[in-house]
Every structure is written in C-alpha cells, then in structure tokens.
C-alpha cells in the first residue's frame, strides 16, 4: 500500500507530505511530553493563575 502511494507522489505533493509529517511529529512529541509529565508539575501549572500570593512583594 505504501509503495503504491510513494510511487504516485509528484514533486508538488512532497511539500504536503513533509508538512503533514512535521505536524504529526510535533503533536506526537507534545502528547508524549504530557503523558510523562510529573503530577506535581501539572498541579503547579494548573494553579498558577490562581496563586497571586507568591508574587506579592509589596
């Protein structure tokens, strides 16, 4: 199946396939980063907009 697909690719479609590959690779890496992120870091980042007390230097 992939051999037929790759033999029918013209020069203009190479850019489309390359951009699709980069797009999929980027979101795969982001998904892996989120899966392996520590629970403490997720909790810290989720409460970040609500924690104004840490930055009060007045």
PDB file of N, CA and C in Angstrom:
ATOM      1  N   UNK A   1       0.817  -1.190   0.000  1.00  0.00           N
ATOM      2  CA  UNK A   1       0.000   0.000   0.000  1.00  0.00           C
ATOM      3  C   UNK A   1       0.860   1.253   0.000  1.00  0.00           C
ATOM      4  N   UNK A   2       1.892   1.292   0.870  1.00  0.00           N
ATOM      5  CA  UNK A   2       2.730   2.477   0.938  1.00  0.00           C
ATOM      6  C   UNK A   2       3.616   2.608  -0.298  1.00  0.00           C
ATOM      7  N   UNK A   3       4.004   1.488  -0.903  1.00  0.00           N
ATOM      8  CA  UNK A   3       4.809   1.567  -2.124  1.00  0.00           C
ATOM      9  C   UNK A   3       4.026   2.227  -3.246  1.00  0.00           C
ATOM     10  N   UNK A   4       2.764   1.870  -3.384  1.00  0.00           N
ATOM     11  CA  UNK A   4       1.924   2.489  -4.413  1.00  0.00           C
ATOM     12  C   UNK A   4       1.735   3.964  -4.128  1.00  0.00           C
ATOM     13  N   UNK A   5       1.552   4.300  -2.871  1.00  0.00           N
ATOM     14  CA  UNK A   5       1.360   5.697  -2.501  1.00  0.00           C
ATOM     15  C   UNK A   5       2.611   6.520  -2.803  1.00  0.00           C
ATOM     16  N   UNK A   6       3.776   5.985  -2.455  1.00  0.00           N
ATOM     17  CA  UNK A   6       5.016   6.730  -2.658  1.00  0.00           C
ATOM     18  C   UNK A   6       5.409   6.824  -4.132  1.00  0.00           C
ATOM     19  N   UNK A   7       5.038   5.845  -4.946  1.00  0.00           N
ATOM     20  CA  UNK A   7       5.376   5.929  -6.362  1.00  0.00           C
ATOM     21  C   UNK A   7       4.467   6.899  -7.099  1.00  0.00           C
ATOM     22  N   UNK A   8       3.294   7.192  -6.572  1.00  0.00           N
ATOM     23  CA  UNK A   8       2.372   8.114  -7.226  1.00  0.00           C
ATOM     24  C   UNK A   8       2.548   9.562  -6.765  1.00  0.00           C
ATOM     25  N   UNK A   9       3.473   9.817  -5.870  1.00  0.00           N
ATOM     26  CA  UNK A   9       3.691  11.163  -5.343  1.00  0.00           C
ATOM     27  C   UNK A   9       4.437  11.995  -6.380  1.00  0.00           C
ATOM     28  N   UNK A  10       3.877  13.164  -6.676  1.00  0.00           N
ATOM     29  CA  UNK A  10       4.559  14.085  -7.593  1.00  0.00           C
ATOM     30  C   UNK A  10       5.401  15.061  -6.779  1.00  0.00           C
ATOM     31  N   UNK A  11       6.147  15.896  -7.476  1.00  0.00           N
ATOM     32  CA  UNK A  11       7.043  16.836  -6.798  1.00  0.00           C
ATOM     33  C   UNK A  11       6.285  17.837  -5.932  1.00  0.00           C
ATOM     34  N   UNK A  12       5.119  18.269  -6.373  1.00  0.00           N
ATOM     35  CA  UNK A  12       4.372  19.247  -5.587  1.00  0.00           C
ATOM     36  C   UNK A  12       3.754  18.630  -4.341  1.00  0.00           C
ATOM     37  N   UNK A  13       3.540  17.341  -4.342  1.00  0.00           N
ATOM     38  CA  UNK A  13       2.944  16.685  -3.176  1.00  0.00           C
ATOM     39  C   UNK A  13       3.963  16.365  -2.103  1.00  0.00           C
ATOM     40  N   UNK A  14       5.234  16.484  -2.419  1.00  0.00           N
ATOM     41  CA  UNK A  14       6.277  16.224  -1.426  1.00  0.00           C
ATOM     42  C   UNK A  14       6.165  17.230  -0.285  1.00  0.00           C
ATOM     43  N   UNK A  15       5.868  18.489  -0.601  1.00  0.00           N
ATOM     44  CA  UNK A  15       5.717  19.519   0.422  1.00  0.00           C
ATOM     45  C   UNK A  15       4.530  19.210   1.338  1.00  0.00           C
ATOM     46  N   UNK A  16       3.451  18.726   0.762  1.00  0.00           N
ATOM     47  CA  UNK A  16       2.274  18.389   1.558  1.00  0.00           C
ATOM     48  C   UNK A  16       2.556  17.231   2.504  1.00  0.00           C
ATOM     49  N   UNK A  17       3.238  16.218   2.015  1.00  0.00           N
ATOM     50  CA  UNK A  17       3.554  15.055   2.852  1.00  0.00           C
ATOM     51  C   UNK A  17       4.554  15.440   3.935  1.00  0.00           C
ATOM     52  N   UNK A  18       5.522  16.269   3.591  1.00  0.00           N
ATOM     53  CA  UNK A  18       6.506  16.715   4.575  1.00  0.00           C
ATOM     54  C   UNK A  18       5.849  17.543   5.668  1.00  0.00           C
ATOM     55  N   UNK A  19       4.975  18.458   5.308  1.00  0.00           N
ATOM     56  CA  UNK A  19       4.308  19.280   6.312  1.00  0.00           C
ATOM     57  C   UNK A  19       3.381  18.434   7.185  1.00  0.00           C
ATOM     58  N   UNK A  20       2.724  17.449   6.602  1.00  0.00           N
ATOM     59  CA  UNK A  20       1.891  16.547   7.402  1.00  0.00           C
ATOM     60  C   UNK A  20       2.743  15.744   8.378  1.00  0.00           C
ATOM     61  N   UNK A  21       3.897  15.295   7.943  1.00  0.00           N
ATOM     62  CA  UNK A  21       4.801  14.549   8.820  1.00  0.00           C
ATOM     63  C   UNK A  21       5.310  15.398   9.969  1.00  0.00           C
ATOM     64  N   UNK A  22       5.683  16.649   9.683  1.00  0.00           N
ATOM     65  CA  UNK A  22       6.149  17.549  10.744  1.00  0.00           C
ATOM     66  C   UNK A  22       5.015  17.839  11.721  1.00  0.00           C
ATOM     67  N   UNK A  23       3.819  18.058  11.216  1.00  0.00           N
ATOM     68  CA  UNK A  23       2.644  18.315  12.043  1.00  0.00           C
ATOM     69  C   UNK A  23       2.381  17.139  12.979  1.00  0.00           C
ATOM     70  N   UNK A  24       2.388  15.943  12.436  1.00  0.00           N
ATOM     71  CA  UNK A  24       2.111  14.759  13.247  1.00  0.00           C
ATOM     72  C   UNK A  24       3.228  14.510  14.264  1.00  0.00           C
ATOM     73  N   UNK A  25       4.476  14.727  13.869  1.00  0.00           N
ATOM     74  CA  UNK A  25       5.602  14.545  14.777  1.00  0.00           C
ATOM     75  C   UNK A  25       5.539  15.525  15.947  1.00  0.00           C
ATOM     76  N   UNK A  26       5.183  16.774  15.672  1.00  0.00           N
ATOM     77  CA  UNK A  26       5.084  17.788  16.714  1.00  0.00           C
ATOM     78  C   UNK A  26       4.024  17.408  17.744  1.00  0.00           C
ATOM     79  N   UNK A  27       2.840  17.039  17.282  1.00  0.00           N
ATOM     80  CA  UNK A  27       1.781  16.716  18.228  1.00  0.00           C
ATOM     81  C   UNK A  27       2.015  15.381  18.930  1.00  0.00           C
ATOM     82  N   UNK A  28       2.729  14.485  18.316  1.00  0.00           N
ATOM     83  CA  UNK A  28       3.112  13.249  18.993  1.00  0.00           C
ATOM     84  C   UNK A  28       4.095  13.542  20.124  1.00  0.00           C
ATOM     85  N   UNK A  29       5.053  14.429  19.878  1.00  0.00           N
ATOM     86  CA  UNK A  29       6.011  14.800  20.922  1.00  0.00           C
ATOM     87  C   UNK A  29       5.324  15.532  22.067  1.00  0.00           C
ATOM     88  N   UNK A  30       4.379  16.414  21.757  1.00  0.00           N
ATOM     89  CA  UNK A  30       3.646  17.123  22.809  1.00  0.00           C
ATOM     90  C   UNK A  30       2.815  16.142  23.630  1.00  0.00           C
ATOM     91  N   UNK A  31       2.192  15.190  22.965  1.00  0.00           N
ATOM     92  CA  UNK A  31       1.396  14.183  23.684  1.00  0.00           C
ATOM     93  C   UNK A  31       2.288  13.348  24.593  1.00  0.00           C
ATOM     94  N   UNK A  32       3.453  12.949  24.118  1.00  0.00           N
ATOM     95  CA  UNK A  32       4.380  12.180  24.958  1.00  0.00           C
ATOM     96  C   UNK A  32       4.879  13.008  26.137  1.00  0.00           C
ATOM     97  N   UNK A  33       5.130  14.288  25.904  1.00  0.00           N
ATOM     98  CA  UNK A  33       5.558  15.174  26.987  1.00  0.00           C
ATOM     99  C   UNK A  33       4.475  15.259  28.061  1.00  0.00           C
ATOM    100  N   UNK A  34       3.229  15.372  27.658  1.00  0.00           N
ATOM    101  CA  UNK A  34       2.142  15.446  28.628  1.00  0.00           C
ATOM    102  C   UNK A  34       1.929  14.130  29.361  1.00  0.00           C
ATOM    103  N   UNK A  35       2.116  13.024  28.677  1.00  0.00           N
ATOM    104  CA  UNK A  35       1.934  11.722  29.319  1.00  0.00           C
ATOM    105  C   UNK A  35       2.990  11.494  30.391  1.00  0.00           C
ATOM    106  N   UNK A  36       4.224  11.882  30.127  1.00  0.00           N
ATOM    107  CA  UNK A  36       5.319  11.616  31.056  1.00  0.00           C
ATOM    108  C   UNK A  36       5.602  12.767  32.011  1.00  0.00           C
ATOM    109  N   UNK A  37       4.761  13.809  32.005  1.00  0.00           N
ATOM    110  CA  UNK A  37       4.960  14.939  32.908  1.00  0.00           C
ATOM    111  C   UNK A  37       4.592  14.522  34.334  1.00  0.00           C
ATOM    112  N   UNK A  38       5.328  15.025  35.306  1.00  0.00           N
ATOM    113  CA  UNK A  38       5.088  14.683  36.704  1.00  0.00           C
ATOM    114  C   UNK A  38       3.795  15.332  37.190  1.00  0.00           C
ATOM    115  N   UNK A  39       3.134  14.649  38.097  1.00  0.00           N
ATOM    116  CA  UNK A  39       1.859  15.133  38.645  1.00  0.00           C
ATOM    117  C   UNK A  39       2.038  16.453  39.394  1.00  0.00           C
ATOM    118  N   UNK A  40       3.145  16.618  40.091  1.00  0.00           N
ATOM    119  CA  UNK A  40       3.396  17.852  40.840  1.00  0.00           C
ATOM    120  C   UNK A  40       3.510  19.049  39.907  1.00  0.00           C
ATOM    121  N   UNK A  41       4.152  18.857  38.771  1.00  0.00           N
ATOM    122  CA  UNK A  41       4.306  19.950  37.822  1.00  0.00           C
ATOM    123  C   UNK A  41       2.957  20.328  37.198  1.00  0.00           C
ATOM    124  N   UNK A  42       2.116  19.349  36.940  1.00  0.00           N
ATOM    125  CA  UNK A  42       0.788  19.624  36.395  1.00  0.00           C
ATOM    126  C   UNK A  42      -0.049  20.387  37.413  1.00  0.00           C
ATOM    127  N   UNK A  43       0.012  19.982  38.684  1.00  0.00           N
ATOM    128  CA  UNK A  43      -0.729  20.687  39.728  1.00  0.00           C
ATOM    129  C   UNK A  43      -0.232  22.117  39.894  1.00  0.00           C
ATOM    130  N   UNK A  44       1.082  22.302  39.845  1.00  0.00           N
ATOM    131  CA  UNK A  44       1.644  23.652  39.969  1.00  0.00           C
ATOM    132  C   UNK A  44       1.195  24.542  38.812  1.00  0.00           C
ATOM    133  N   UNK A  45       1.255  24.023  37.604  1.00  0.00           N
ATOM    134  CA  UNK A  45       0.889  24.823  36.438  1.00  0.00           C
ATOM    135  C   UNK A  45      -0.615  25.088  36.376  1.00  0.00           C
ATOM    136  N   UNK A  46      -1.434  24.168  36.881  1.00  0.00           N
ATOM    137  CA  UNK A  46      -2.876  24.379  36.851  1.00  0.00           C
ATOM    138  C   UNK A  46      -3.314  25.419  37.870  1.00  0.00           C
ATOM    139  N   UNK A  47      -2.581  25.559  38.967  1.00  0.00           N
ATOM    140  CA  UNK A  47      -2.946  26.551  39.972  1.00  0.00           C
ATOM    141  C   UNK A  47      -2.158  27.845  39.816  1.00  0.00           C
ATOM    142  N   UNK A  48      -1.358  27.969  38.809  1.00  0.00           N
ATOM    143  CA  UNK A  48      -0.503  29.138  38.620  1.00  0.00           C
ATOM    144  C   UNK A  48      -1.288  30.443  38.479  1.00  0.00           C
ATOM    145  N   UNK A  49      -2.346  30.510  37.695  1.00  0.00           N
ATOM    146  CA  UNK A  49      -3.069  31.791  37.589  1.00  0.00           C
ATOM    147  C   UNK A  49      -3.774  32.171  38.888  1.00  0.00           C
ATOM    148  N   UNK A  50      -4.016  31.226  39.759  1.00  0.00           N
ATOM    149  CA  UNK A  50      -4.743  31.497  40.984  1.00  0.00           C
ATOM    150  C   UNK A  50      -3.840  31.885  42.138  1.00  0.00           C
ATOM    151  N   UNK A  51      -2.555  31.637  42.007  1.00  0.00           N
ATOM    152  CA  UNK A  51      -1.607  31.908  43.095  1.00  0.00           C
ATOM    153  C   UNK A  51      -0.981  33.284  42.931  1.00  0.00           C
ATOM    154  N   UNK A  52      -1.678  34.332  43.385  1.00  0.00           N
ATOM    155  CA  UNK A  52      -1.106  35.665  43.355  1.00  0.00           C
ATOM    156  C   UNK A  52      -0.283  35.941  44.605  1.00  0.00           C
ATOM    157  N   UNK A  53      -0.442  35.153  45.633  1.00  0.00           N
ATOM    158  CA  UNK A  53       0.245  35.382  46.892  1.00  0.00           C
ATOM    159  C   UNK A  53       1.747  35.147  46.799  1.00  0.00           C
ATOM    160  N   UNK A  54       2.191  34.319  45.890  1.00  0.00           N
ATOM    161  CA  UNK A  54       3.628  34.035  45.762  1.00  0.00           C
ATOM    162  C   UNK A  54       4.389  35.215  45.195  1.00  0.00           C
ATOM    163  N   UNK A  55       3.759  36.042  44.391  1.00  0.00           N
ATOM    164  CA  UNK A  55       4.452  37.136  43.715  1.00  0.00           C
ATOM    165  C   UNK A  55       4.190  38.489  44.375  1.00  0.00           C
ATOM    166  N   UNK A  56       3.589  38.515  45.546  1.00  0.00           N
ATOM    167  CA  UNK A  56       3.323  39.777  46.235  1.00  0.00           C
ATOM    168  C   UNK A  56       4.581  40.229  46.952  1.00  0.00           C
ATOM    169  N   UNK A  57       5.243  41.235  46.407  1.00  0.00           N
ATOM    170  CA  UNK A  57       6.431  41.801  47.027  1.00  0.00           C
ATOM    171  C   UNK A  57       6.170  43.214  47.497  1.00  0.00           C
ATOM    172  N   UNK A  58       4.916  43.602  47.607  1.00  0.00           N
ATOM    173  CA  UNK A  58       4.558  44.980  48.005  1.00  0.00           C
ATOM    174  C   UNK A  58       4.735  45.210  49.473  1.00  0.00           C
TER     175      UNK A  58
END
